[in-house]
Amino acid sequence: MRKNGSNKFAWTWTIKEEFLEEYVALHLEPWPEIMAEHSRAGIRNYSIFQNGNRFFYCFECDDVEGAFKTIAESEACNRWNAITSKMVEGSFDFNEAEPIKPMREVFYLK
């Protein structure tokens, strides 16, 4: 997985229309253990933005591969992903070599 100079990682997913309301509700009140596991994985400044059923995700992390490994091994995250994975068009198996297709950063203002 490519690492950029700003340690930011971003991607988009499309959420299936029939799950849109449930997906948003889950993210408005995420499980405390999910928040703790992402922090433990080294993920910080994590934001999700919505445009219809298209979502933009961005976080900072010094070691994305290590973070994804921590997430893949987390019992809480596996329970969360079992629920949300059916909502996403495509797959996000954190045991895959590249579970999320990262977007290329083309501009960054410090």
N, C-alpha and C. Protein backbone atom coordinates (compact mmCIF):
# COMPACT_ATOMS: atom_id res chain seq x y z
N MET A 1 0.84 -1.17 0.00
CA MET A 1 0.00 0.00 0.00
C MET A 1 0.89 1.24 0.00
N ARG A 2 0.57 2.16 -0.84
CA ARG A 2 1.36 3.37 -1.00
C ARG A 2 1.17 4.31 0.18
N LYS A 3 2.24 4.90 0.62
CA LYS A 3 2.19 5.87 1.72
C LYS A 3 2.54 7.25 1.15
N ASN A 4 1.72 8.25 1.44
CA ASN A 4 2.05 9.60 0.95
C ASN A 4 2.72 10.39 2.07
N GLY A 5 3.28 11.52 1.71
CA GLY A 5 4.05 12.31 2.65
C GLY A 5 3.24 12.89 3.80
N SER A 6 1.94 13.04 3.64
CA SER A 6 1.13 13.65 4.69
C SER A 6 0.50 12.62 5.63
N ASN A 7 0.74 11.33 5.40
CA ASN A 7 0.18 10.25 6.22
C ASN A 7 -1.34 10.22 6.21
N LYS A 8 -1.95 10.76 5.16
CA LYS A 8 -3.41 10.72 5.02
C LYS A 8 -3.77 9.56 4.08
N PHE A 9 -4.93 8.99 4.33
CA PHE A 9 -5.41 7.88 3.52
C PHE A 9 -6.88 8.15 3.25
N ALA A 10 -7.30 8.08 1.99
CA ALA A 10 -8.68 8.41 1.65
C ALA A 10 -9.22 7.43 0.61
N TRP A 11 -10.53 7.22 0.65
CA TRP A 11 -11.20 6.36 -0.31
C TRP A 11 -12.68 6.71 -0.33
N THR A 12 -13.40 6.14 -1.28
CA THR A 12 -14.85 6.31 -1.34
C THR A 12 -15.50 4.94 -1.42
N TRP A 13 -16.71 4.88 -0.93
CA TRP A 13 -17.56 3.70 -1.07
C TRP A 13 -18.95 4.17 -1.42
N THR A 14 -19.66 3.33 -2.16
CA THR A 14 -21.07 3.55 -2.42
C THR A 14 -21.85 2.59 -1.54
N ILE A 15 -22.82 3.13 -0.84
CA ILE A 15 -23.66 2.34 0.05
C ILE A 15 -24.96 2.00 -0.70
N LYS A 16 -25.36 0.74 -0.60
CA LYS A 16 -26.59 0.30 -1.26
C LYS A 16 -27.76 1.09 -0.69
N GLU A 17 -28.63 1.57 -1.57
CA GLU A 17 -29.75 2.43 -1.19
C GLU A 17 -30.58 1.85 -0.06
N GLU A 18 -30.82 0.54 -0.08
CA GLU A 18 -31.69 -0.07 0.93
C GLU A 18 -31.07 -0.09 2.33
N PHE A 19 -29.77 0.18 2.42
CA PHE A 19 -29.08 0.19 3.71
C PHE A 19 -28.64 1.59 4.14
N LEU A 20 -28.94 2.59 3.34
CA LEU A 20 -28.41 3.94 3.57
C LEU A 20 -28.76 4.48 4.96
N GLU A 21 -30.01 4.40 5.34
CA GLU A 21 -30.45 4.93 6.63
C GLU A 21 -29.74 4.20 7.79
N GLU A 22 -29.66 2.89 7.72
CA GLU A 22 -29.03 2.08 8.77
C GLU A 22 -27.53 2.37 8.85
N TYR A 23 -26.89 2.52 7.70
CA TYR A 23 -25.45 2.80 7.66
C TYR A 23 -25.14 4.14 8.34
N VAL A 24 -25.91 5.16 7.99
CA VAL A 24 -25.72 6.48 8.60
C VAL A 24 -25.97 6.41 10.10
N ALA A 25 -27.04 5.74 10.51
CA ALA A 25 -27.37 5.63 11.94
C ALA A 25 -26.23 4.96 12.72
N LEU A 26 -25.65 3.91 12.17
CA LEU A 26 -24.53 3.24 12.83
C LEU A 26 -23.36 4.19 13.04
N HIS A 27 -23.10 5.01 12.04
CA HIS A 27 -21.94 5.91 12.12
C HIS A 27 -22.21 7.17 12.94
N LEU A 28 -23.47 7.51 13.14
CA LEU A 28 -23.79 8.64 14.01
C LEU A 28 -23.61 8.25 15.48
N GLU A 29 -23.73 6.95 15.77
CA GLU A 29 -23.52 6.45 17.13
C GLU A 29 -22.67 5.19 17.09
N PRO A 30 -21.38 5.33 16.75
CA PRO A 30 -20.52 4.13 16.64
C PRO A 30 -20.29 3.50 18.01
N TRP A 31 -20.04 2.20 17.99
CA TRP A 31 -19.76 1.48 19.23
C TRP A 31 -18.48 2.01 19.85
N PRO A 32 -18.46 2.22 21.15
CA PRO A 32 -17.23 2.70 21.81
C PRO A 32 -16.02 1.80 21.55
N GLU A 33 -16.23 0.47 21.49
CA GLU A 33 -15.11 -0.43 21.25
C GLU A 33 -14.53 -0.29 19.84
N ILE A 34 -15.34 0.13 18.90
CA ILE A 34 -14.86 0.39 17.54
C ILE A 34 -13.96 1.62 17.54
N MET A 35 -14.39 2.64 18.24
CA MET A 35 -13.59 3.86 18.34
C MET A 35 -12.25 3.54 19.01
N ALA A 36 -12.29 2.77 20.08
CA ALA A 36 -11.07 2.41 20.80
C ALA A 36 -10.12 1.59 19.93
N GLU A 37 -10.67 0.65 19.17
CA GLU A 37 -9.82 -0.21 18.32
C GLU A 37 -9.16 0.60 17.21
N HIS A 38 -9.87 1.55 16.62
CA HIS A 38 -9.28 2.38 15.58
C HIS A 38 -8.16 3.25 16.16
N SER A 39 -8.38 3.77 17.34
CA SER A 39 -7.32 4.56 18.00
C SER A 39 -6.12 3.68 18.32
N ARG A 40 -6.38 2.47 18.83
CA ARG A 40 -5.31 1.52 19.15
C ARG A 40 -4.51 1.16 17.88
N ALA A 41 -5.18 1.14 16.74
CA ALA A 41 -4.53 0.83 15.47
C ALA A 41 -3.68 1.99 14.95
N GLY A 42 -3.78 3.15 15.60
CA GLY A 42 -2.99 4.31 15.17
C GLY A 42 -3.71 5.22 14.20
N ILE A 43 -5.01 5.02 14.04
CA ILE A 43 -5.81 5.85 13.14
C ILE A 43 -6.25 7.09 13.91
N ARG A 44 -6.09 8.24 13.28
CA ARG A 44 -6.48 9.50 13.93
C ARG A 44 -7.08 10.45 12.87
N ASN A 45 -7.75 11.47 13.36
CA ASN A 45 -8.38 12.47 12.49
C ASN A 45 -9.20 11.80 11.38
N TYR A 46 -10.03 10.86 11.78
CA TYR A 46 -10.84 10.07 10.85
C TYR A 46 -12.16 10.79 10.63
N SER A 47 -12.47 11.07 9.38
CA SER A 47 -13.73 11.73 9.01
C SER A 47 -14.42 10.94 7.92
N ILE A 48 -15.74 10.98 7.94
CA ILE A 48 -16.56 10.40 6.88
C ILE A 48 -17.54 11.48 6.44
N PHE A 49 -17.61 11.69 5.13
CA PHE A 49 -18.52 12.68 4.56
C PHE A 49 -19.49 11.96 3.63
N GLN A 50 -20.73 12.43 3.59
CA GLN A 50 -21.78 11.80 2.79
C GLN A 50 -22.25 12.72 1.68
N ASN A 51 -22.45 12.14 0.49
CA ASN A 51 -23.08 12.81 -0.64
C ASN A 51 -24.04 11.79 -1.24
N GLY A 52 -25.30 11.85 -0.83
CA GLY A 52 -26.27 10.83 -1.27
C GLY A 52 -25.87 9.48 -0.69
N ASN A 53 -25.67 8.49 -1.57
CA ASN A 53 -25.24 7.18 -1.08
C ASN A 53 -23.74 6.94 -1.33
N ARG A 54 -23.04 8.03 -1.65
CA ARG A 54 -21.58 7.97 -1.84
C ARG A 54 -20.92 8.58 -0.61
N PHE A 55 -19.94 7.87 -0.05
CA PHE A 55 -19.27 8.32 1.16
C PHE A 55 -17.78 8.47 0.91
N PHE A 56 -17.21 9.53 1.47
CA PHE A 56 -15.79 9.84 1.37
C PHE A 56 -15.19 9.67 2.76
N TYR A 57 -14.13 8.88 2.84
CA TYR A 57 -13.47 8.56 4.11
C TYR A 57 -12.04 9.07 4.07
N CYS A 58 -11.59 9.66 5.16
CA CYS A 58 -10.22 10.15 5.22
C CYS A 58 -9.72 10.05 6.66
N PHE A 59 -8.52 9.51 6.81
CA PHE A 59 -7.90 9.48 8.13
C PHE A 59 -6.40 9.66 7.99
N GLU A 60 -5.75 9.90 9.10
CA GLU A 60 -4.29 9.96 9.15
C GLU A 60 -3.79 8.76 9.93
N CYS A 61 -2.64 8.24 9.50
CA CYS A 61 -2.08 7.07 10.14
C CYS A 61 -0.63 6.93 9.68
N ASP A 62 0.27 6.63 10.60
CA ASP A 62 1.67 6.48 10.25
C ASP A 62 1.98 5.13 9.64
N ASP A 63 1.14 4.12 9.91
CA ASP A 63 1.37 2.76 9.39
C ASP A 63 0.02 2.15 9.01
N VAL A 64 -0.42 2.39 7.78
CA VAL A 64 -1.72 1.92 7.34
C VAL A 64 -1.77 0.39 7.32
N GLU A 65 -0.71 -0.26 6.84
CA GLU A 65 -0.70 -1.72 6.81
C GLU A 65 -0.88 -2.29 8.21
N GLY A 66 -0.15 -1.73 9.17
CA GLY A 66 -0.26 -2.18 10.56
C GLY A 66 -1.64 -1.91 11.12
N ALA A 67 -2.21 -0.76 10.77
CA ALA A 67 -3.55 -0.41 11.25
C ALA A 67 -4.58 -1.40 10.71
N PHE A 68 -4.50 -1.71 9.42
CA PHE A 68 -5.45 -2.65 8.82
C PHE A 68 -5.28 -4.05 9.41
N LYS A 69 -4.06 -4.42 9.76
CA LYS A 69 -3.81 -5.73 10.41
C LYS A 69 -4.48 -5.75 11.79
N THR A 70 -4.34 -4.67 12.54
CA THR A 70 -4.98 -4.57 13.86
C THR A 70 -6.49 -4.66 13.73
N ILE A 71 -7.05 -3.96 12.75
CA ILE A 71 -8.50 -3.98 12.52
C ILE A 71 -8.95 -5.40 12.14
N ALA A 72 -8.20 -6.06 11.25
CA ALA A 72 -8.55 -7.41 10.80
C ALA A 72 -8.54 -8.41 11.95
N GLU A 73 -7.70 -8.19 12.94
CA GLU A 73 -7.58 -9.12 14.08
C GLU A 73 -8.50 -8.76 15.24
N SER A 74 -9.21 -7.66 15.13
CA SER A 74 -10.07 -7.18 16.22
C SER A 74 -11.44 -7.86 16.18
N GLU A 75 -11.82 -8.48 17.29
CA GLU A 75 -13.13 -9.14 17.39
C GLU A 75 -14.25 -8.11 17.23
N ALA A 76 -14.12 -6.97 17.86
CA ALA A 76 -15.15 -5.92 17.77
C ALA A 76 -15.29 -5.41 16.33
N CYS A 77 -14.17 -5.17 15.69
CA CYS A 77 -14.21 -4.67 14.30
C CYS A 77 -14.77 -5.73 13.36
N ASN A 78 -14.48 -7.00 13.62
CA ASN A 78 -15.04 -8.06 12.78
C ASN A 78 -16.56 -8.15 12.95
N ARG A 79 -17.06 -7.93 14.17
CA ARG A 79 -18.53 -7.90 14.38
C ARG A 79 -19.15 -6.72 13.62
N TRP A 80 -18.51 -5.53 13.74
CA TRP A 80 -18.98 -4.32 13.03
C TRP A 80 -18.95 -4.55 11.52
N ASN A 81 -17.85 -5.08 11.03
CA ASN A 81 -17.71 -5.29 9.58
C ASN A 81 -18.68 -6.34 9.05
N ALA A 82 -19.06 -7.31 9.87
CA ALA A 82 -20.05 -8.31 9.45
C ALA A 82 -21.39 -7.63 9.18
N ILE A 83 -21.68 -6.58 9.93
CA ILE A 83 -22.92 -5.82 9.74
C ILE A 83 -22.80 -4.88 8.55
N THR A 84 -21.73 -4.09 8.51
CA THR A 84 -21.62 -3.04 7.49
C THR A 84 -21.18 -3.54 6.12
N SER A 85 -20.49 -4.66 6.05
CA SER A 85 -19.98 -5.12 4.76
C SER A 85 -21.10 -5.41 3.76
N LYS A 86 -22.25 -5.86 4.25
CA LYS A 86 -23.37 -6.13 3.35
C LYS A 86 -23.99 -4.84 2.80
N MET A 87 -23.66 -3.71 3.42
CA MET A 87 -24.23 -2.43 3.03
C MET A 87 -23.44 -1.74 1.92
N VAL A 88 -22.18 -2.16 1.76
CA VAL A 88 -21.26 -1.52 0.82
C VAL A 88 -21.29 -2.25 -0.52
N GLU A 89 -21.29 -1.50 -1.61
CA GLU A 89 -21.15 -2.12 -2.92
C GLU A 89 -19.70 -2.55 -3.05
N GLY A 90 -19.46 -3.83 -3.26
CA GLY A 90 -18.10 -4.35 -3.31
C GLY A 90 -17.76 -4.99 -1.97
N SER A 91 -16.47 -5.11 -1.69
CA SER A 91 -16.02 -5.80 -0.49
C SER A 91 -14.99 -4.97 0.25
N PHE A 92 -14.90 -5.18 1.56
CA PHE A 92 -13.82 -4.56 2.31
C PHE A 92 -13.28 -5.54 3.34
N ASP A 93 -12.75 -6.62 2.85
CA ASP A 93 -12.16 -7.66 3.70
C ASP A 93 -10.76 -7.21 4.10
N PHE A 94 -10.55 -6.92 5.38
CA PHE A 94 -9.27 -6.41 5.85
C PHE A 94 -8.17 -7.47 5.85
N ASN A 95 -8.53 -8.70 5.48
CA ASN A 95 -7.51 -9.74 5.32
C ASN A 95 -6.97 -9.77 3.90
N GLU A 96 -7.57 -9.02 2.99
CA GLU A 96 -7.07 -8.92 1.61
C GLU A 96 -5.83 -8.04 1.60
N ALA A 97 -5.03 -8.19 0.55
CA ALA A 97 -3.79 -7.40 0.43
C ALA A 97 -4.08 -5.91 0.41
N GLU A 98 -5.13 -5.51 -0.28
CA GLU A 98 -5.52 -4.09 -0.34
C GLU A 98 -7.03 -4.01 -0.14
N PRO A 99 -7.48 -4.00 1.13
CA PRO A 99 -8.92 -4.06 1.39
C PRO A 99 -9.69 -2.84 0.90
N ILE A 100 -9.02 -1.72 0.81
CA ILE A 100 -9.64 -0.48 0.38
C ILE A 100 -8.76 0.11 -0.72
N LYS A 101 -9.39 0.52 -1.81
CA LYS A 101 -8.61 1.13 -2.89
C LYS A 101 -8.38 2.60 -2.56
N PRO A 102 -7.14 2.96 -2.22
CA PRO A 102 -6.88 4.34 -1.81
C PRO A 102 -6.96 5.33 -2.97
N MET A 103 -7.37 6.53 -2.64
CA MET A 103 -7.38 7.62 -3.62
C MET A 103 -6.01 8.29 -3.61
N ARG A 104 -5.61 8.78 -4.75
CA ARG A 104 -4.33 9.49 -4.86
C ARG A 104 -4.51 10.93 -4.39
N GLU A 105 -3.63 11.37 -3.52
CA GLU A 105 -3.66 12.76 -3.07
C GLU A 105 -2.97 13.61 -4.13
N VAL A 106 -3.67 14.62 -4.63
CA VAL A 106 -3.11 15.49 -5.67
C VAL A 106 -2.89 16.91 -5.18
N PHE A 107 -3.38 17.23 -3.97
CA PHE A 107 -3.18 18.56 -3.42
C PHE A 107 -3.25 18.48 -1.91
N TYR A 108 -2.36 19.23 -1.26
CA TYR A 108 -2.35 19.29 0.21
C TYR A 108 -1.83 20.66 0.62
N LEU A 109 -2.65 21.41 1.37
CA LEU A 109 -2.26 22.72 1.88
C LEU A 109 -1.92 22.55 3.35
N LYS A 110 -0.69 22.84 3.72
CA LYS A 110 -0.28 22.75 5.13
C LYS A 110 -0.65 24.01 5.86
